[in-house]
Amino acid sequence: MNIKTIKDELIDEFSMFDDWMERYEYMIELGKSLPIIDSEFKTDDNIIKGCQSKVWLHADLENDKVVYSADSDAIITKGIVAILIRVFSNQNPETILKTNTDFIDEIGLKEHLSPTRANGLVSMIKQIKMYALAYQTQIGL
């Protein structure tokens, strides 16, 4: 599935909720459905710097597509990273690098996060794009 379709799905899903408590609950559910990161990747090297809670992010390249896995020790943060992985995982590096994050504003996420969580969100996106850049360089695109 392409990134635009995934972003549109997320925007539609979040628009079904009337208030932010319902949206937080939905994010928590998304976090619970996040495939658990392999314990071998839950290392200090994979912790995203700039997040108040611990967030581990790992990426592999499979068939020229970046596949992300992640986990967090905080339920809201785990939901946030689940949203990002849903959008960016299983895409080629070039697509990941070119994709903007306008969907975050469209679902209203950024404006409903504390400053520390908003900083963490930016750090997560930055790390996702850094992995994509590294793999793009590796496969010579």
N, C-alpha and C. Protein backbone atom coordinates (compact mmCIF):
# COMPACT_ATOMS: atom_id res chain seq x y z
N MET A 1 0.84 -1.18 0.00
CA MET A 1 0.00 0.00 0.00
C MET A 1 0.89 1.25 0.00
N ASN A 2 0.51 2.25 -0.76
CA ASN A 2 1.36 3.43 -0.81
C ASN A 2 1.11 4.36 0.38
N ILE A 3 2.07 5.23 0.62
CA ILE A 3 2.03 6.10 1.80
C ILE A 3 0.82 7.03 1.78
N LYS A 4 0.48 7.58 0.64
CA LYS A 4 -0.66 8.50 0.59
C LYS A 4 -1.94 7.79 1.04
N THR A 5 -2.15 6.58 0.58
CA THR A 5 -3.34 5.81 0.97
C THR A 5 -3.34 5.57 2.48
N ILE A 6 -2.20 5.21 3.03
CA ILE A 6 -2.10 4.95 4.47
C ILE A 6 -2.38 6.23 5.26
N LYS A 7 -1.79 7.34 4.81
CA LYS A 7 -2.03 8.62 5.50
C LYS A 7 -3.51 8.99 5.45
N ASP A 8 -4.14 8.81 4.28
CA ASP A 8 -5.57 9.12 4.15
C ASP A 8 -6.41 8.24 5.07
N GLU A 9 -6.05 6.97 5.18
CA GLU A 9 -6.77 6.06 6.08
C GLU A 9 -6.68 6.56 7.52
N LEU A 10 -5.48 6.94 7.94
CA LEU A 10 -5.30 7.43 9.31
C LEU A 10 -6.12 8.69 9.57
N ILE A 11 -6.11 9.59 8.62
CA ILE A 11 -6.87 10.84 8.76
C ILE A 11 -8.36 10.50 8.91
N ASP A 12 -8.85 9.58 8.08
CA ASP A 12 -10.25 9.17 8.16
C ASP A 12 -10.56 8.52 9.51
N GLU A 13 -9.67 7.64 9.95
CA GLU A 13 -9.89 6.95 11.22
C GLU A 13 -9.97 7.94 12.38
N PHE A 14 -9.05 8.88 12.43
CA PHE A 14 -9.04 9.84 13.53
C PHE A 14 -10.20 10.82 13.45
N SER A 15 -10.71 11.06 12.25
CA SER A 15 -11.84 12.00 12.11
C SER A 15 -13.14 11.39 12.63
N MET A 16 -13.17 10.09 12.85
CA MET A 16 -14.38 9.45 13.37
C MET A 16 -14.62 9.76 14.85
N PHE A 17 -13.57 10.21 15.53
CA PHE A 17 -13.68 10.45 16.96
C PHE A 17 -14.03 11.91 17.23
N ASP A 18 -14.94 12.12 18.18
CA ASP A 18 -15.42 13.46 18.48
C ASP A 18 -14.47 14.26 19.37
N ASP A 19 -13.79 13.57 20.27
CA ASP A 19 -12.91 14.32 21.18
C ASP A 19 -11.55 13.63 21.31
N TRP A 20 -10.64 14.34 21.96
CA TRP A 20 -9.27 13.84 22.03
C TRP A 20 -9.09 12.69 23.00
N MET A 21 -9.97 12.54 23.97
CA MET A 21 -9.86 11.37 24.84
C MET A 21 -10.08 10.10 24.02
N GLU A 22 -11.04 10.14 23.12
CA GLU A 22 -11.29 8.98 22.25
C GLU A 22 -10.10 8.74 21.32
N ARG A 23 -9.51 9.81 20.84
CA ARG A 23 -8.35 9.67 19.95
C ARG A 23 -7.15 9.10 20.71
N TYR A 24 -6.95 9.53 21.95
CA TYR A 24 -5.88 8.95 22.77
C TYR A 24 -6.11 7.47 22.99
N GLU A 25 -7.36 7.11 23.27
CA GLU A 25 -7.69 5.69 23.46
C GLU A 25 -7.38 4.90 22.19
N TYR A 26 -7.69 5.48 21.04
CA TYR A 26 -7.41 4.81 19.77
C TYR A 26 -5.90 4.66 19.56
N MET A 27 -5.16 5.71 19.91
CA MET A 27 -3.70 5.63 19.79
C MET A 27 -3.15 4.52 20.69
N ILE A 28 -3.69 4.40 21.88
CA ILE A 28 -3.25 3.34 22.79
C ILE A 28 -3.53 1.97 22.17
N GLU A 29 -4.70 1.83 21.55
CA GLU A 29 -5.03 0.56 20.88
C GLU A 29 -4.05 0.29 19.73
N LEU A 30 -3.71 1.32 18.97
CA LEU A 30 -2.74 1.15 17.89
C LEU A 30 -1.40 0.70 18.46
N GLY A 31 -1.01 1.27 19.58
CA GLY A 31 0.24 0.88 20.23
C GLY A 31 0.22 -0.57 20.67
N LYS A 32 -0.93 -1.02 21.16
CA LYS A 32 -1.04 -2.42 21.60
C LYS A 32 -0.93 -3.38 20.42
N SER A 33 -1.31 -2.93 19.24
CA SER A 33 -1.24 -3.79 18.06
C SER A 33 0.13 -3.75 17.39
N LEU A 34 1.02 -2.91 17.89
CA LEU A 34 2.36 -2.79 17.31
C LEU A 34 3.13 -4.09 17.51
N PRO A 35 3.65 -4.67 16.43
CA PRO A 35 4.48 -5.87 16.60
C PRO A 35 5.67 -5.54 17.51
N ILE A 36 5.88 -6.38 18.48
CA ILE A 36 6.95 -6.14 19.46
C ILE A 36 8.31 -6.23 18.78
N ILE A 37 9.15 -5.28 19.10
CA ILE A 37 10.52 -5.28 18.59
C ILE A 37 11.26 -6.47 19.20
N ASP A 38 12.07 -7.11 18.41
CA ASP A 38 12.87 -8.23 18.89
C ASP A 38 13.75 -7.75 20.04
N SER A 39 13.82 -8.51 21.09
CA SER A 39 14.57 -8.09 22.29
C SER A 39 16.03 -7.77 21.99
N GLU A 40 16.60 -8.39 20.98
CA GLU A 40 18.00 -8.10 20.63
C GLU A 40 18.19 -6.66 20.13
N PHE A 41 17.08 -6.02 19.71
CA PHE A 41 17.16 -4.64 19.22
C PHE A 41 16.76 -3.62 20.28
N LYS A 42 16.38 -4.09 21.46
CA LYS A 42 16.03 -3.18 22.56
C LYS A 42 17.31 -2.80 23.30
N THR A 43 18.14 -2.06 22.59
CA THR A 43 19.44 -1.66 23.12
C THR A 43 19.53 -0.14 23.18
N ASP A 44 20.54 0.33 23.89
CA ASP A 44 20.76 1.77 23.98
C ASP A 44 21.01 2.39 22.60
N ASP A 45 21.61 1.62 21.70
CA ASP A 45 21.88 2.13 20.35
C ASP A 45 20.58 2.44 19.59
N ASN A 46 19.51 1.75 19.93
CA ASN A 46 18.24 1.93 19.23
C ASN A 46 17.25 2.83 19.95
N ILE A 47 17.68 3.40 21.08
CA ILE A 47 16.80 4.34 21.79
C ILE A 47 16.83 5.68 21.07
N ILE A 48 15.65 6.23 20.86
CA ILE A 48 15.55 7.53 20.19
C ILE A 48 15.88 8.62 21.19
N LYS A 49 16.88 9.40 20.86
CA LYS A 49 17.28 10.52 21.71
C LYS A 49 16.25 11.64 21.55
N GLY A 50 15.93 12.30 22.64
CA GLY A 50 14.99 13.41 22.57
C GLY A 50 13.59 13.04 23.02
N CYS A 51 13.39 11.77 23.36
CA CYS A 51 12.10 11.33 23.87
C CYS A 51 12.17 11.25 25.39
N GLN A 52 11.12 11.70 26.03
CA GLN A 52 11.06 11.64 27.49
C GLN A 52 10.97 10.20 27.96
N SER A 53 10.14 9.40 27.31
CA SER A 53 10.06 7.98 27.64
C SER A 53 11.02 7.22 26.73
N LYS A 54 11.20 5.96 27.03
CA LYS A 54 12.10 5.16 26.20
C LYS A 54 11.36 4.68 24.96
N VAL A 55 11.97 4.94 23.81
CA VAL A 55 11.44 4.46 22.53
C VAL A 55 12.59 3.80 21.79
N TRP A 56 12.37 2.54 21.45
CA TRP A 56 13.36 1.82 20.66
C TRP A 56 12.85 1.72 19.24
N LEU A 57 13.72 2.00 18.28
CA LEU A 57 13.35 1.92 16.87
C LEU A 57 14.45 1.18 16.13
N HIS A 58 14.04 0.20 15.35
CA HIS A 58 14.99 -0.58 14.56
C HIS A 58 14.46 -0.65 13.13
N ALA A 59 15.38 -0.76 12.19
CA ALA A 59 14.98 -0.87 10.78
C ALA A 59 15.83 -1.93 10.08
N ASP A 60 15.20 -2.64 9.18
CA ASP A 60 15.86 -3.59 8.30
C ASP A 60 15.48 -3.25 6.88
N LEU A 61 16.32 -3.66 5.95
CA LEU A 61 16.01 -3.49 4.53
C LEU A 61 15.63 -4.86 3.98
N GLU A 62 14.40 -4.97 3.48
CA GLU A 62 13.91 -6.23 2.92
C GLU A 62 13.33 -5.94 1.54
N ASN A 63 13.93 -6.53 0.53
CA ASN A 63 13.48 -6.34 -0.86
C ASN A 63 13.42 -4.85 -1.22
N ASP A 64 14.46 -4.12 -0.86
CA ASP A 64 14.60 -2.69 -1.14
C ASP A 64 13.54 -1.83 -0.44
N LYS A 65 12.90 -2.37 0.59
CA LYS A 65 11.94 -1.60 1.39
C LYS A 65 12.41 -1.61 2.84
N VAL A 66 12.20 -0.47 3.49
CA VAL A 66 12.60 -0.35 4.90
C VAL A 66 11.47 -0.86 5.77
N VAL A 67 11.80 -1.79 6.65
CA VAL A 67 10.81 -2.36 7.57
C VAL A 67 11.22 -1.96 8.98
N TYR A 68 10.33 -1.23 9.64
CA TYR A 68 10.61 -0.71 10.98
C TYR A 68 9.93 -1.57 12.04
N SER A 69 10.57 -1.65 13.20
CA SER A 69 9.94 -2.22 14.39
C SER A 69 10.29 -1.29 15.54
N ALA A 70 9.40 -1.27 16.53
CA ALA A 70 9.60 -0.32 17.63
C ALA A 70 8.88 -0.78 18.88
N ASP A 71 9.20 -0.13 19.97
CA ASP A 71 8.51 -0.33 21.23
C ASP A 71 8.75 0.90 22.10
N SER A 72 7.92 1.05 23.11
CA SER A 72 8.09 2.14 24.06
C SER A 72 7.61 1.67 25.42
N ASP A 73 8.14 2.31 26.46
CA ASP A 73 7.70 1.98 27.82
C ASP A 73 6.51 2.84 28.24
N ALA A 74 6.01 3.70 27.36
CA ALA A 74 4.86 4.57 27.65
C ALA A 74 3.76 4.30 26.62
N ILE A 75 2.52 4.16 27.08
CA ILE A 75 1.46 3.72 26.18
C ILE A 75 1.10 4.74 25.09
N ILE A 76 1.09 6.02 25.44
CA ILE A 76 0.79 7.04 24.41
C ILE A 76 1.91 7.09 23.38
N THR A 77 3.14 7.07 23.86
CA THR A 77 4.30 7.13 22.97
C THR A 77 4.33 5.90 22.06
N LYS A 78 3.96 4.76 22.61
CA LYS A 78 3.91 3.54 21.80
C LYS A 78 2.87 3.70 20.69
N GLY A 79 1.76 4.36 20.99
CA GLY A 79 0.75 4.64 19.97
C GLY A 79 1.26 5.57 18.89
N ILE A 80 2.03 6.58 19.31
CA ILE A 80 2.59 7.53 18.34
C ILE A 80 3.54 6.82 17.38
N VAL A 81 4.44 6.01 17.93
CA VAL A 81 5.40 5.32 17.08
C VAL A 81 4.68 4.28 16.20
N ALA A 82 3.58 3.71 16.69
CA ALA A 82 2.81 2.77 15.88
C ALA A 82 2.22 3.47 14.65
N ILE A 83 1.75 4.69 14.84
CA ILE A 83 1.22 5.48 13.72
C ILE A 83 2.32 5.72 12.68
N LEU A 84 3.49 6.12 13.16
CA LEU A 84 4.60 6.41 12.24
C LEU A 84 5.05 5.16 11.49
N ILE A 85 5.12 4.04 12.20
CA ILE A 85 5.53 2.80 11.55
C ILE A 85 4.50 2.37 10.51
N ARG A 86 3.24 2.55 10.84
CA ARG A 86 2.19 2.20 9.88
C ARG A 86 2.36 2.98 8.58
N VAL A 87 2.73 4.24 8.68
CA VAL A 87 2.90 5.07 7.49
C VAL A 87 4.18 4.74 6.74
N PHE A 88 5.29 4.63 7.46
CA PHE A 88 6.59 4.57 6.79
C PHE A 88 7.15 3.18 6.54
N SER A 89 6.70 2.17 7.27
CA SER A 89 7.27 0.84 7.11
C SER A 89 6.84 0.22 5.79
N ASN A 90 7.68 -0.62 5.25
CA ASN A 90 7.44 -1.33 3.98
C ASN A 90 7.37 -0.39 2.78
N GLN A 91 8.14 0.68 2.86
CA GLN A 91 8.25 1.62 1.75
C GLN A 91 9.71 1.69 1.33
N ASN A 92 9.96 2.12 0.10
CA ASN A 92 11.36 2.24 -0.31
C ASN A 92 11.95 3.52 0.30
N PRO A 93 13.27 3.53 0.48
CA PRO A 93 13.91 4.67 1.14
C PRO A 93 13.60 6.02 0.51
N GLU A 94 13.60 6.09 -0.81
CA GLU A 94 13.35 7.37 -1.49
C GLU A 94 11.96 7.91 -1.14
N THR A 95 10.98 7.04 -1.13
CA THR A 95 9.61 7.45 -0.80
C THR A 95 9.54 7.98 0.63
N ILE A 96 10.18 7.28 1.55
CA ILE A 96 10.20 7.70 2.95
C ILE A 96 10.80 9.10 3.08
N LEU A 97 11.91 9.31 2.40
CA LEU A 97 12.60 10.60 2.49
C LEU A 97 11.78 11.74 1.87
N LYS A 98 11.01 11.44 0.84
CA LYS A 98 10.23 12.48 0.16
C LYS A 98 8.90 12.78 0.84
N THR A 99 8.45 11.86 1.70
CA THR A 99 7.12 11.99 2.30
C THR A 99 7.11 13.05 3.38
N ASN A 100 6.12 13.94 3.29
CA ASN A 100 5.97 14.94 4.35
C ASN A 100 5.10 14.35 5.46
N THR A 101 5.06 15.04 6.57
CA THR A 101 4.33 14.55 7.73
C THR A 101 3.08 15.40 7.99
N ASP A 102 2.48 15.89 6.92
CA ASP A 102 1.28 16.72 7.05
C ASP A 102 0.12 15.99 7.73
N PHE A 103 0.09 14.67 7.62
CA PHE A 103 -0.98 13.91 8.23
C PHE A 103 -1.00 14.08 9.75
N ILE A 104 0.14 14.35 10.36
CA ILE A 104 0.22 14.55 11.81
C ILE A 104 -0.58 15.79 12.20
N ASP A 105 -0.43 16.85 11.41
CA ASP A 105 -1.22 18.05 11.67
C ASP A 105 -2.69 17.82 11.35
N GLU A 106 -2.96 17.08 10.28
CA GLU A 106 -4.35 16.86 9.87
C GLU A 106 -5.15 16.05 10.89
N ILE A 107 -4.48 15.12 11.60
CA ILE A 107 -5.22 14.39 12.63
C ILE A 107 -5.19 15.14 13.96
N GLY A 108 -4.44 16.26 13.99
CA GLY A 108 -4.41 17.11 15.18
C GLY A 108 -3.48 16.61 16.27
N LEU A 109 -2.62 15.69 15.91
CA LEU A 109 -1.77 15.07 16.92
C LEU A 109 -0.81 16.04 17.58
N LYS A 110 -0.10 16.80 16.77
CA LYS A 110 0.94 17.67 17.30
C LYS A 110 0.41 18.67 18.32
N GLU A 111 -0.75 19.24 18.03
CA GLU A 111 -1.30 20.27 18.92
C GLU A 111 -1.86 19.70 20.22
N HIS A 112 -2.02 18.38 20.29
CA HIS A 112 -2.55 17.76 21.50
C HIS A 112 -1.49 16.98 22.28
N LEU A 113 -0.24 17.22 21.96
CA LEU A 113 0.86 16.58 22.69
C LEU A 113 1.54 17.59 23.60
N SER A 114 2.05 17.10 24.70
CA SER A 114 2.85 17.96 25.56
C SER A 114 4.11 18.34 24.79
N PRO A 115 4.78 19.43 25.19
CA PRO A 115 6.01 19.82 24.48
C PRO A 115 7.06 18.70 24.43
N THR A 116 7.18 17.93 25.51
CA THR A 116 8.20 16.87 25.50
C THR A 116 7.80 15.74 24.54
N ARG A 117 6.51 15.41 24.48
CA ARG A 117 6.06 14.38 23.53
C ARG A 117 6.17 14.89 22.10
N ALA A 118 5.89 16.17 21.87
CA ALA A 118 6.03 16.75 20.53
C ALA A 118 7.48 16.69 20.09
N ASN A 119 8.41 16.97 21.00
CA ASN A 119 9.84 16.85 20.68
C ASN A 119 10.19 15.41 20.36
N GLY A 120 9.62 14.49 21.13
CA GLY A 120 9.86 13.07 20.88
C GLY A 120 9.34 12.64 19.52
N LEU A 121 8.18 13.16 19.12
CA LEU A 121 7.61 12.87 17.81
C LEU A 121 8.57 13.31 16.71
N VAL A 122 9.10 14.51 16.84
CA VAL A 122 10.06 15.03 15.86
C VAL A 122 11.29 14.13 15.81
N SER A 123 11.76 13.70 16.97
CA SER A 123 12.94 12.82 17.04
C SER A 123 12.66 11.47 16.38
N MET A 124 11.45 10.94 16.57
CA MET A 124 11.09 9.67 15.94
C MET A 124 11.11 9.79 14.42
N ILE A 125 10.50 10.86 13.91
CA ILE A 125 10.46 11.09 12.46
C ILE A 125 11.88 11.24 11.91
N LYS A 126 12.68 11.99 12.63
CA LYS A 126 14.08 12.20 12.21
C LYS A 126 14.81 10.87 12.12
N GLN A 127 14.64 10.00 13.11
CA GLN A 127 15.33 8.71 13.11
C GLN A 127 14.80 7.80 11.99
N ILE A 128 13.51 7.82 11.75
CA ILE A 128 12.93 7.04 10.65
C ILE A 128 13.56 7.48 9.33
N LYS A 129 13.69 8.77 9.13
CA LYS A 129 14.28 9.30 7.89
C LYS A 129 15.78 9.02 7.81
N MET A 130 16.45 9.01 8.97
CA MET A 130 17.89 8.69 8.97
C MET A 130 18.13 7.24 8.53
N TYR A 131 17.31 6.33 9.03
CA TYR A 131 17.41 4.94 8.57
C TYR A 131 17.18 4.86 7.07
N ALA A 132 16.17 5.55 6.57
CA ALA A 132 15.87 5.54 5.14
C ALA A 132 17.05 6.07 4.33
N LEU A 133 17.65 7.15 4.81
CA LEU A 133 18.80 7.73 4.13
C LEU A 133 19.97 6.75 4.10
N ALA A 134 20.21 6.11 5.23
CA ALA A 134 21.31 5.12 5.29
C ALA A 134 21.06 3.97 4.31
N TYR A 135 19.85 3.47 4.25
CA TYR A 135 19.55 2.37 3.33
C TYR A 135 19.54 2.83 1.88
N GLN A 136 19.11 4.07 1.64
CA GLN A 136 19.15 4.60 0.27
C GLN A 136 20.59 4.64 -0.22
N THR A 137 21.48 5.08 0.64
CA THR A 137 22.90 5.14 0.30
C THR A 137 23.44 3.73 0.07
N GLN A 138 23.03 2.79 0.90
CA GLN A 138 23.51 1.42 0.82
C GLN A 138 23.10 0.74 -0.49
N ILE A 139 21.86 0.99 -0.93
CA ILE A 139 21.42 0.32 -2.16
C ILE A 139 21.69 1.18 -3.41
N GLY A 140 22.23 2.37 -3.19
CA GLY A 140 22.68 3.19 -4.30
C GLY A 140 21.56 3.81 -5.13
N LEU A 141 20.50 4.22 -4.46
CA LEU A 141 19.42 4.87 -5.21
C LEU A 141 19.68 6.35 -5.38
